[in-house]
Amino acid sequence: MLKVSKFGGSSLASADQVRQVCDIITADPERRLIVVSAPGKRHSEDIKVTDLLIAAASERLTGKIGASECAEVIERYRSIASGLGLPPEVIEPIARDLTERLEKSTTDANLYMDTMKAGGEDNCARLIAQALQARGVEAHYVSPKDAGLILSDEPGNAQVLPEAYSRLRDLNERPGITIFPGFFGYSKEGNIVTFSRGGSDITGAILASAVRAEVYENFTDVDSVFAANPSIVKEPAPIAELTYREMRELSYAGFSVFHDEALEPVYRAQVPVHIRNTNNPKAQGTLIVPNRASTDIPVVGIAAMDSVCCIYLSKYLMNRQIGFGRRLLQILETEDISFEHVPSGIDNMSVIIREENLSMQKEKRVVEQIRQTLAPEDVFVERRLSLIMVVGEGMRHTVGIASRATHALASAQVNIEMINQGSNEVSMMFGIKSEDMETAVQALYAEFFA
């Protein structure tokens, strides 16, 4: 059997962390396909390698050199290699690669930025392979290009192409342990393109799907997924088991432990995901599976998404105007704006959007276009909203969940701006003012978990 194991940036931030990762890899002979992120923060005041590379690229794109940021990245790798007792010459190809990336053409700013960002994962994978080899373990770095990870030509937001899966399947036949850099692949044109930030999770999921892994292990810095954000709720309950649908809803709404886009490949292949702690590998962790053995627990988690806004419009007899919703969404599409939810009534419609996707300039154009095209009686944008998600597959089998949730919010003096629930009843969404977000999460957690 084969396990795909992915290690996040916090697991690779220092020599001690890398040593722990190597111990975990070698502890189980089924861990033969390893995906690594770029080194993360060593402490709260530290800077992630990826952020240093972005800073270096930004300097170059503004006509500066970016050499100091690049040198800091090289020093990070040198520190890790030295701490592992590796010979100094192992850093030479890493330094050369990063310098060459920095000096590449900046004609296409997006492709240049992706080339720089990918240097973090790529060189970390090379270093991990060497660390394992120094232990006498057969380990090999493999390039995503050589392996066949072909992505769409969308820098910073690439998607895997279907033909990549058949190419990647051959990874199953490689000898020893394969170390694969996360976060990036190659377009058909041969350009380096990256997934969205945190995309090493996506790489691991794609590989797990391609090789039909027994399990996809995602090692991070927490013992499990928790029922609420620990920075909002004190000592929230750990979640032992989740379904793909539940994890997708929680990740989408703010649970950063696992990238929400990473679930699609493993969902298609029905590969279970095991969230585990690098620093406490004996902890139970959280298992993400197609179906939970028990749905007796109606709610598994409370999540919150901050910094959203809402376009609200009303028009009498809106429901009789064929194509009204389509024309509204076409206006957003023209401005390259994606939406999150579209709650509606017979004479009104709300479109919920992440604030980062609706600048004040875009807002002005969108509102004007709505007025000209749809002639609503009223249209306005409300900002500083948060979405609170109550998630659990068991809700569909339990009467009174909505009543309990709304009563908890009312008792906490939290006003509900909007409410939405899909027909599958995996989640229930509440729109509230941003200043009430923490109070709302705490109230809902107390209702369903205290």
Protein backbone atom coordinates (compact mmCIF):
# COMPACT_ATOMS: atom_id res chain seq x y z
CA MET A 1 0.00 0.00 0.00
CA LEU A 2 1.02 3.61 -0.53
CA LYS A 3 0.47 6.65 1.64
CA VAL A 4 0.85 10.21 0.39
CA SER A 5 2.09 12.45 3.19
CA LYS A 6 2.20 16.24 2.97
CA PHE A 7 4.14 18.43 5.40
CA GLY A 8 3.26 22.10 5.81
CA GLY A 9 5.57 25.06 6.23
CA SER A 10 5.55 25.04 10.03
CA SER A 11 6.71 21.41 9.91
CA LEU A 12 9.76 22.42 7.84
CA ALA A 13 10.72 25.75 9.38
CA SER A 14 13.95 24.65 11.08
CA ALA A 15 16.47 21.84 11.23
CA ASP A 16 14.77 20.39 14.33
CA GLN A 17 11.43 20.35 12.52
CA VAL A 18 12.93 18.74 9.43
CA ARG A 19 14.56 16.10 11.63
CA GLN A 20 11.14 15.34 13.12
CA VAL A 21 9.66 15.10 9.61
CA CYS A 22 12.35 12.64 8.54
CA ASP A 23 11.63 10.53 11.63
CA ILE A 24 7.93 10.42 10.70
CA ILE A 25 8.64 9.52 7.07
CA THR A 26 10.97 6.67 7.93
CA ALA A 27 8.71 5.33 10.71
CA ASP A 28 6.25 3.90 8.17
CA PRO A 29 7.45 2.11 5.00
CA GLU A 30 4.13 2.92 3.31
CA ARG A 31 5.01 6.65 3.31
CA ARG A 32 6.64 6.60 -0.10
CA LEU A 33 5.28 9.78 -1.70
CA ILE A 34 6.03 12.95 0.27
CA VAL A 35 4.83 16.47 -0.59
CA VAL A 36 6.54 19.44 1.04
CA SER A 37 5.76 23.12 1.43
CA ALA A 38 8.32 25.91 1.70
CA PRO A 39 9.77 26.54 5.18
CA GLY A 40 7.37 28.54 7.32
CA LYS A 41 7.82 30.67 10.41
CA ARG A 42 10.24 29.56 13.14
CA HIS A 43 8.58 31.92 15.62
CA SER A 44 5.77 34.48 15.62
CA GLU A 45 8.00 37.35 14.47
CA ASP A 46 9.59 35.35 11.65
CA ILE A 47 8.85 35.61 7.92
CA LYS A 48 7.83 32.66 5.77
CA VAL A 49 10.14 31.76 2.90
CA THR A 50 7.30 32.25 0.42
CA ASP A 51 6.71 35.77 1.70
CA LEU A 52 10.42 36.56 1.34
CA LEU A 53 10.33 35.31 -2.26
CA ILE A 54 7.24 37.41 -2.99
CA ALA A 55 9.05 40.43 -1.54
CA ALA A 56 12.11 39.73 -3.71
CA ALA A 57 9.95 39.39 -6.82
CA SER A 58 8.05 42.58 -5.99
CA GLU A 59 11.34 44.46 -5.69
CA ARG A 60 12.44 43.25 -9.13
CA LEU A 61 9.09 44.12 -10.67
CA THR A 62 9.47 47.70 -9.47
CA GLY A 63 12.91 48.04 -11.03
CA LYS A 64 14.93 47.22 -7.92
CA ILE A 65 17.27 44.32 -7.22
CA GLY A 66 15.57 42.13 -4.59
CA ALA A 67 18.94 40.61 -3.70
CA SER A 68 18.68 41.05 0.08
CA GLU A 69 15.38 39.12 0.31
CA CYS A 70 16.78 36.39 -1.93
CA ALA A 71 19.92 36.19 0.21
CA GLU A 72 17.75 35.81 3.31
CA VAL A 73 15.98 32.83 1.73
CA ILE A 74 19.32 31.22 0.86
CA GLU A 75 20.46 31.76 4.44
CA ARG A 76 17.31 30.04 5.73
CA TYR A 77 18.17 26.92 3.71
CA ARG A 78 21.81 27.13 4.80
CA SER A 79 20.72 27.24 8.44
CA ILE A 80 18.52 24.17 8.02
CA ALA A 81 21.23 22.23 6.17
CA SER A 82 23.85 23.15 8.77
CA GLY A 83 21.56 22.15 11.62
CA LEU A 84 21.06 18.77 9.96
CA GLY A 85 24.82 18.26 9.61
CA LEU A 86 24.72 18.31 5.81
CA PRO A 87 27.88 19.40 3.97
CA PRO A 88 28.05 23.09 2.96
CA GLU A 89 28.07 22.25 -0.75
CA VAL A 90 24.42 21.12 -0.67
CA ILE A 91 23.44 24.80 -0.58
CA GLU A 92 25.34 25.70 -3.76
CA PRO A 93 22.67 24.43 -6.23
CA ILE A 94 19.91 25.98 -4.09
CA ALA A 95 21.64 29.37 -4.07
CA ARG A 96 22.28 29.14 -7.80
CA ASP A 97 18.66 28.21 -8.55
CA LEU A 98 17.21 31.05 -6.48
CA THR A 99 19.59 33.59 -7.98
CA GLU A 100 18.72 32.45 -11.50
CA ARG A 101 15.03 32.78 -10.73
CA LEU A 102 15.54 36.29 -9.42
CA GLU A 103 17.37 37.31 -12.59
CA LYS A 104 14.80 35.92 -15.04
CA SER A 105 12.85 38.18 -17.36
CA THR A 106 10.09 40.19 -15.73
CA THR A 107 8.24 40.85 -19.00
CA ASP A 108 5.28 38.80 -17.80
CA ALA A 109 4.89 39.91 -14.19
CA ASN A 110 2.47 37.13 -13.21
CA LEU A 111 4.62 34.31 -14.57
CA TYR A 112 7.72 35.86 -13.00
CA MET A 113 6.02 36.03 -9.61
CA ASP A 114 4.96 32.38 -9.87
CA THR A 115 8.49 31.35 -10.83
CA MET A 116 9.85 33.06 -7.74
CA LYS A 117 7.16 31.74 -5.37
CA ALA A 118 7.68 28.16 -6.55
CA GLY A 119 11.35 28.34 -5.57
CA GLY A 120 10.43 27.84 -1.92
CA GLU A 121 8.82 24.44 -2.33
CA ASP A 122 11.13 23.28 -5.10
CA ASN A 123 14.33 23.82 -3.15
CA CYS A 124 12.83 22.54 0.08
CA ALA A 125 12.01 19.26 -1.66
CA ARG A 126 15.61 18.95 -2.84
CA LEU A 127 16.87 19.59 0.69
CA ILE A 128 14.52 17.04 2.28
CA ALA A 129 15.63 14.39 -0.21
CA GLN A 130 19.26 15.08 0.73
CA ALA A 131 18.44 14.95 4.44
CA LEU A 132 16.93 11.49 4.01
CA GLN A 133 19.83 10.32 1.83
CA ALA A 134 22.22 11.39 4.59
CA ARG A 135 20.42 8.87 6.82
CA GLY A 136 21.08 6.13 4.28
CA VAL A 137 17.49 6.17 3.02
CA GLU A 138 16.74 5.82 -0.69
CA ALA A 139 15.02 9.11 -1.43
CA HIS A 140 14.67 11.05 -4.68
CA TYR A 141 13.50 14.54 -5.55
CA VAL A 142 11.17 14.65 -8.57
CA SER A 143 10.21 17.74 -10.53
CA PRO A 144 6.49 18.35 -11.16
CA LYS A 145 7.42 18.86 -14.82
CA ASP A 146 9.09 15.46 -15.12
CA ALA A 147 6.25 13.80 -13.19
CA GLY A 148 3.59 15.32 -15.44
CA LEU A 149 1.76 17.75 -13.15
CA ILE A 150 0.18 19.81 -15.94
CA LEU A 151 -1.88 22.82 -14.86
CA SER A 152 -3.98 25.47 -16.54
CA ASP A 153 -2.12 28.60 -17.62
CA GLU A 154 -3.52 30.72 -14.77
CA PRO A 155 -0.67 32.14 -12.68
CA GLY A 156 -1.50 32.26 -9.00
CA ASN A 157 -4.74 30.34 -9.43
CA ALA A 158 -3.91 27.34 -11.63
CA GLN A 159 -6.13 24.27 -11.88
CA VAL A 160 -5.01 20.71 -12.56
CA LEU A 161 -5.75 19.45 -16.08
CA PRO A 162 -7.43 16.02 -16.42
CA GLU A 163 -4.56 14.46 -18.36
CA ALA A 164 -2.19 15.06 -15.43
CA TYR A 165 -3.68 12.21 -13.43
CA SER A 166 -2.67 9.46 -15.86
CA ARG A 167 0.85 10.89 -16.08
CA LEU A 168 1.23 11.14 -12.31
CA ARG A 169 0.10 7.54 -11.80
CA ASP A 170 3.62 6.34 -12.63
CA LEU A 171 4.85 7.84 -9.35
CA ASN A 172 3.50 4.69 -7.75
CA GLU A 173 6.24 2.68 -9.45
CA ARG A 174 9.22 4.78 -8.38
CA PRO A 175 11.73 3.12 -6.03
CA GLY A 176 12.36 4.36 -2.51
CA ILE A 177 10.80 7.55 -1.21
CA THR A 178 9.77 10.27 -3.66
CA ILE A 179 9.96 13.90 -2.48
CA PHE A 180 7.62 16.13 -4.47
CA PRO A 181 7.43 19.93 -4.16
CA GLY A 182 3.95 21.28 -3.49
CA PHE A 183 2.18 24.44 -4.65
CA PHE A 184 3.17 24.50 -8.32
CA GLY A 185 3.19 22.67 -11.62
CA TYR A 186 3.74 23.49 -15.28
CA SER A 187 1.42 24.76 -18.00
CA LYS A 188 1.33 23.07 -21.40
CA GLU A 189 3.50 25.93 -22.61
CA GLY A 190 6.16 24.92 -20.08
CA ASN A 191 5.67 27.82 -17.69
CA ILE A 192 5.76 27.45 -13.91
CA VAL A 193 2.30 28.21 -12.50
CA THR A 194 1.14 28.03 -8.90
CA PHE A 195 -2.08 27.15 -7.15
CA SER A 196 -3.66 29.71 -4.83
CA ARG A 197 -1.80 30.36 -1.57
CA GLY A 198 -1.60 27.26 0.61
CA GLY A 199 -1.77 25.13 -2.52
CA SER A 200 0.61 22.42 -1.32
CA ASP A 201 -2.50 20.79 0.14
CA ILE A 202 -3.87 20.69 -3.40
CA THR A 203 -0.71 19.07 -4.75
CA GLY A 204 -0.91 16.34 -2.14
CA ALA A 205 -4.57 15.69 -2.90
CA ILE A 206 -3.89 15.44 -6.64
CA LEU A 207 -1.09 12.94 -6.11
CA ALA A 208 -3.15 10.89 -3.65
CA SER A 209 -5.93 10.72 -6.21
CA ALA A 210 -3.60 9.89 -9.09
CA VAL A 211 -1.86 6.97 -7.35
CA ARG A 212 -5.03 5.82 -5.55
CA ALA A 213 -3.34 6.13 -2.18
CA GLU A 214 -4.51 4.24 0.88
CA VAL A 215 -4.70 7.56 2.72
CA TYR A 216 -3.60 11.16 2.26
CA GLU A 217 -1.84 12.28 5.44
CA ASN A 218 -1.74 16.04 5.91
CA PHE A 219 0.77 16.92 8.63
CA THR A 220 0.41 20.35 10.18
CA ASP A 221 0.94 22.01 13.59
CA VAL A 222 -2.29 21.09 15.40
CA ASP A 223 -3.51 17.81 16.89
CA SER A 224 -6.77 17.85 14.97
CA VAL A 225 -9.45 19.95 13.39
CA PHE A 226 -11.39 21.67 16.15
CA ALA A 227 -15.10 22.44 16.35
CA ALA A 228 -14.36 26.18 16.39
CA ASN A 229 -11.44 28.56 16.01
CA PRO A 230 -9.28 28.26 19.19
CA SER A 231 -8.54 31.98 19.01
CA ILE A 232 -12.27 32.66 19.45
CA VAL A 233 -13.43 29.74 21.60
CA LYS A 234 -11.30 28.56 24.50
CA GLU A 235 -10.28 24.89 24.19
CA PRO A 236 -12.83 23.86 21.55
CA ALA A 237 -13.65 20.20 21.14
CA PRO A 238 -11.51 18.18 18.70
CA ILE A 239 -13.30 16.54 15.77
CA ALA A 240 -12.39 12.88 15.29
CA GLU A 241 -14.17 12.35 11.98
CA LEU A 242 -15.62 14.55 9.25
CA THR A 243 -17.09 13.96 5.83
CA TYR A 244 -15.64 15.61 2.74
CA ARG A 245 -18.73 17.82 2.54
CA GLU A 246 -18.40 18.97 6.14
CA MET A 247 -14.69 19.73 5.77
CA ARG A 248 -15.32 21.61 2.53
CA GLU A 249 -17.86 23.85 4.25
CA LEU A 250 -15.61 24.47 7.26
CA SER A 251 -12.51 25.15 5.12
CA TYR A 252 -14.46 27.49 2.88
CA ALA A 253 -15.67 29.48 5.86
CA GLY A 254 -12.34 29.98 7.56
CA PHE A 255 -10.86 26.71 8.89
CA SER A 256 -7.30 27.22 7.63
CA VAL A 257 -5.99 23.80 8.63
CA PHE A 258 -6.82 22.41 5.17
CA HIS A 259 -7.19 24.21 1.82
CA ASP A 260 -10.83 24.07 0.70
CA GLU A 261 -9.88 23.33 -2.95
CA ALA A 262 -7.79 20.33 -1.91
CA LEU A 263 -10.83 18.16 -1.20
CA GLU A 264 -12.03 17.81 -4.80
CA PRO A 265 -9.33 15.38 -6.04
CA VAL A 266 -9.55 13.07 -3.01
CA TYR A 267 -13.35 13.29 -3.03
CA ARG A 268 -13.43 12.07 -6.64
CA ALA A 269 -11.09 9.18 -5.85
CA GLN A 270 -12.63 8.50 -2.41
CA VAL A 271 -9.22 8.68 -0.71
CA PRO A 272 -9.55 9.38 3.03
CA VAL A 273 -7.59 12.34 4.45
CA HIS A 274 -5.90 12.19 7.84
CA ILE A 275 -5.04 15.55 9.46
CA ARG A 276 -2.11 14.98 11.85
CA ASN A 277 0.35 16.93 13.99
CA THR A 278 4.04 16.77 13.03
CA ASN A 279 5.02 17.58 16.61
CA ASN A 280 2.65 15.05 18.13
CA PRO A 281 2.35 12.21 15.57
CA LYS A 282 0.77 9.88 18.14
CA ALA A 283 -2.29 12.14 18.47
CA GLN A 284 -5.50 10.77 16.97
CA GLY A 285 -5.90 13.61 14.48
CA THR A 286 -8.96 14.10 12.31
CA LEU A 287 -10.08 11.71 9.60
CA ILE A 288 -11.97 13.06 6.57
CA VAL A 289 -14.04 10.34 4.91
CA PRO A 290 -16.85 9.95 2.34
CA ASN A 291 -19.44 9.15 5.02
CA ARG A 292 -19.40 9.28 8.80
CA ALA A 293 -20.25 6.09 10.65
CA SER A 294 -22.64 8.05 12.87
CA THR A 295 -24.74 11.15 12.27
CA ASP A 296 -26.04 11.28 15.84
CA ILE A 297 -24.11 14.52 16.32
CA PRO A 298 -26.04 17.08 14.24
CA VAL A 299 -23.40 19.85 14.29
CA VAL A 300 -19.66 19.17 13.97
CA GLY A 301 -18.29 22.69 13.71
CA ILE A 302 -18.87 26.44 13.77
CA ALA A 303 -16.87 28.49 11.25
CA ALA A 304 -16.66 32.19 10.48
CA MET A 305 -15.66 34.11 7.37
CA ASP A 306 -14.85 37.76 7.90
CA SER A 307 -14.57 40.65 5.42
CA VAL A 308 -17.50 40.01 3.14
CA CYS A 309 -19.94 42.48 1.64
CA CYS A 310 -23.41 42.29 0.13
CA ILE A 311 -24.95 43.85 -2.95
CA TYR A 312 -28.62 44.27 -2.15
CA LEU A 313 -31.23 45.14 -4.77
CA SER A 314 -35.02 45.15 -4.84
CA LYS A 315 -37.60 45.47 -7.57
CA TYR A 316 -41.31 44.87 -7.45
CA LEU A 317 -42.32 41.72 -9.42
CA MET A 318 -38.67 40.74 -9.82
CA ASN A 319 -39.75 37.12 -9.85
CA ARG A 320 -41.73 37.70 -13.07
CA GLN A 321 -38.73 39.04 -15.01
CA ILE A 322 -37.14 36.12 -16.83
CA GLY A 323 -33.35 36.30 -16.83
CA PHE A 324 -33.09 38.89 -14.04
CA GLY A 325 -30.64 36.82 -11.99
CA ARG A 326 -28.62 35.84 -15.04
CA ARG A 327 -28.17 39.47 -16.10
CA LEU A 328 -27.15 40.44 -12.58
CA LEU A 329 -24.49 37.74 -12.42
CA GLN A 330 -23.29 38.65 -15.92
CA ILE A 331 -22.51 42.15 -14.64
CA LEU A 332 -20.32 40.61 -11.94
CA GLU A 333 -18.70 38.28 -14.47
CA THR A 334 -17.79 41.24 -16.68
CA GLU A 335 -15.90 42.71 -13.71
CA ASP A 336 -14.26 39.33 -12.96
CA ILE A 337 -16.04 39.06 -9.60
CA SER A 338 -16.95 35.69 -8.09
CA PHE A 339 -19.80 35.45 -5.58
CA GLU A 340 -20.27 33.36 -2.44
CA HIS A 341 -24.05 33.17 -1.89
CA VAL A 342 -27.20 34.57 -3.50
CA PRO A 343 -30.05 34.65 -0.94
CA SER A 344 -33.25 36.01 -2.50
CA GLY A 345 -36.92 36.76 -2.02
CA ILE A 346 -39.67 37.33 -4.56
CA ASP A 347 -38.85 41.03 -4.94
CA ASN A 348 -35.26 41.25 -3.70
CA MET A 349 -31.90 39.62 -4.18
CA SER A 350 -28.63 39.75 -2.28
CA VAL A 351 -25.23 38.78 -3.66
CA ILE A 352 -22.55 38.05 -1.09
CA ILE A 353 -18.98 38.77 -2.19
CA ARG A 354 -15.60 38.76 -0.48
CA GLU A 355 -14.58 42.38 0.09
CA GLU A 356 -11.20 41.79 -1.52
CA ASN A 357 -13.01 41.06 -4.80
CA LEU A 358 -15.04 44.28 -4.78
CA SER A 359 -12.86 47.37 -4.68
CA MET A 360 -14.52 50.75 -4.34
CA GLN A 361 -13.87 51.39 -8.04
CA LYS A 362 -15.51 48.11 -9.03
CA GLU A 363 -18.39 48.78 -6.67
CA LYS A 364 -19.10 52.09 -8.38
CA ARG A 365 -19.08 50.50 -11.84
CA VAL A 366 -21.17 47.50 -10.77
CA VAL A 367 -23.86 49.58 -9.06
CA GLU A 368 -24.12 51.90 -12.06
CA GLN A 369 -24.37 48.96 -14.45
CA ILE A 370 -27.07 47.36 -12.29
CA ARG A 371 -29.06 50.59 -12.36
CA GLN A 372 -28.78 50.91 -16.14
CA THR A 373 -29.38 47.25 -16.98
CA LEU A 374 -31.89 46.09 -14.36
CA ALA A 375 -33.56 49.35 -13.24
CA PRO A 376 -34.06 48.26 -9.61
CA GLU A 377 -36.07 50.35 -7.19
CA ASP A 378 -33.18 50.18 -4.77
CA VAL A 379 -29.56 48.98 -4.90
CA PHE A 380 -26.78 49.44 -2.37
CA VAL A 381 -23.67 47.72 -1.03
CA GLU A 382 -23.21 46.86 2.63
CA ARG A 383 -19.69 46.16 3.83
CA ARG A 384 -18.10 44.87 7.04
CA LEU A 385 -20.15 41.71 7.22
CA SER A 386 -19.23 38.22 8.40
CA LEU A 387 -20.64 34.82 7.51
CA ILE A 388 -21.15 32.29 10.28
CA MET A 389 -21.50 28.66 9.19
CA VAL A 390 -23.11 25.96 11.32
CA VAL A 391 -21.93 22.69 9.75
CA GLY A 392 -23.01 19.09 10.15
CA GLU A 393 -24.47 16.31 8.01
CA GLY A 394 -26.63 15.26 10.96
CA MET A 395 -28.70 18.46 10.72
CA ARG A 396 -30.88 16.93 8.02
CA HIS A 397 -32.01 14.25 10.47
CA THR A 398 -32.55 16.60 13.42
CA VAL A 399 -35.54 18.85 14.02
CA GLY A 400 -35.02 22.30 15.52
CA ILE A 401 -31.40 23.15 14.59
CA ALA A 402 -32.37 26.48 13.02
CA SER A 403 -34.49 27.35 16.05
CA ARG A 404 -31.64 26.61 18.44
CA ALA A 405 -29.15 28.62 16.35
CA THR A 406 -31.34 31.69 16.00
CA HIS A 407 -32.28 31.59 19.68
CA ALA A 408 -28.59 31.43 20.65
CA LEU A 409 -27.80 34.43 18.46
CA ALA A 410 -30.78 36.39 19.79
CA SER A 411 -29.79 35.65 23.38
CA ALA A 412 -26.31 37.00 22.60
CA GLN A 413 -27.84 40.18 21.14
CA VAL A 414 -26.54 39.37 17.65
CA ASN A 415 -28.76 40.64 14.85
CA ILE A 416 -29.09 38.38 11.81
CA GLU A 417 -28.73 40.30 8.54
CA MET A 418 -29.46 37.27 6.34
CA ILE A 419 -29.83 33.50 6.56
CA ASN A 420 -29.33 30.79 3.95
CA GLN A 421 -29.44 26.99 3.96
CA GLY A 422 -28.92 24.61 1.07
CA SER A 423 -31.34 21.80 0.39
CA ASN A 424 -28.74 19.21 1.39
CA GLU A 425 -28.68 20.75 4.89
CA VAL A 426 -24.94 20.24 5.38
CA SER A 427 -24.57 23.84 6.51
CA MET A 428 -26.58 26.82 7.65
CA MET A 429 -25.26 30.31 6.95
CA PHE A 430 -25.91 33.48 8.93
CA GLY A 431 -24.84 36.93 7.76
CA ILE A 432 -24.07 39.32 10.62
CA LYS A 433 -22.15 42.54 11.29
CA SER A 434 -18.40 41.96 11.51
CA GLU A 435 -18.19 43.41 15.01
CA ASP A 436 -20.50 40.62 16.23
CA MET A 437 -18.51 37.74 14.71
CA GLU A 438 -16.71 36.48 17.81
CA THR A 439 -19.80 36.83 19.98
CA ALA A 440 -21.82 34.86 17.44
CA VAL A 441 -19.30 32.01 17.20
CA GLN A 442 -19.07 31.76 20.98
CA ALA A 443 -22.85 31.74 21.37
CA LEU A 444 -23.35 29.03 18.75
CA TYR A 445 -20.53 26.93 20.16
CA ALA A 446 -22.05 27.13 23.63
CA GLU A 447 -25.42 26.10 22.23
CA PHE A 448 -24.23 23.00 20.36
CA PHE A 449 -21.11 21.87 22.22
CA ALA A 450 -21.21 23.08 25.85
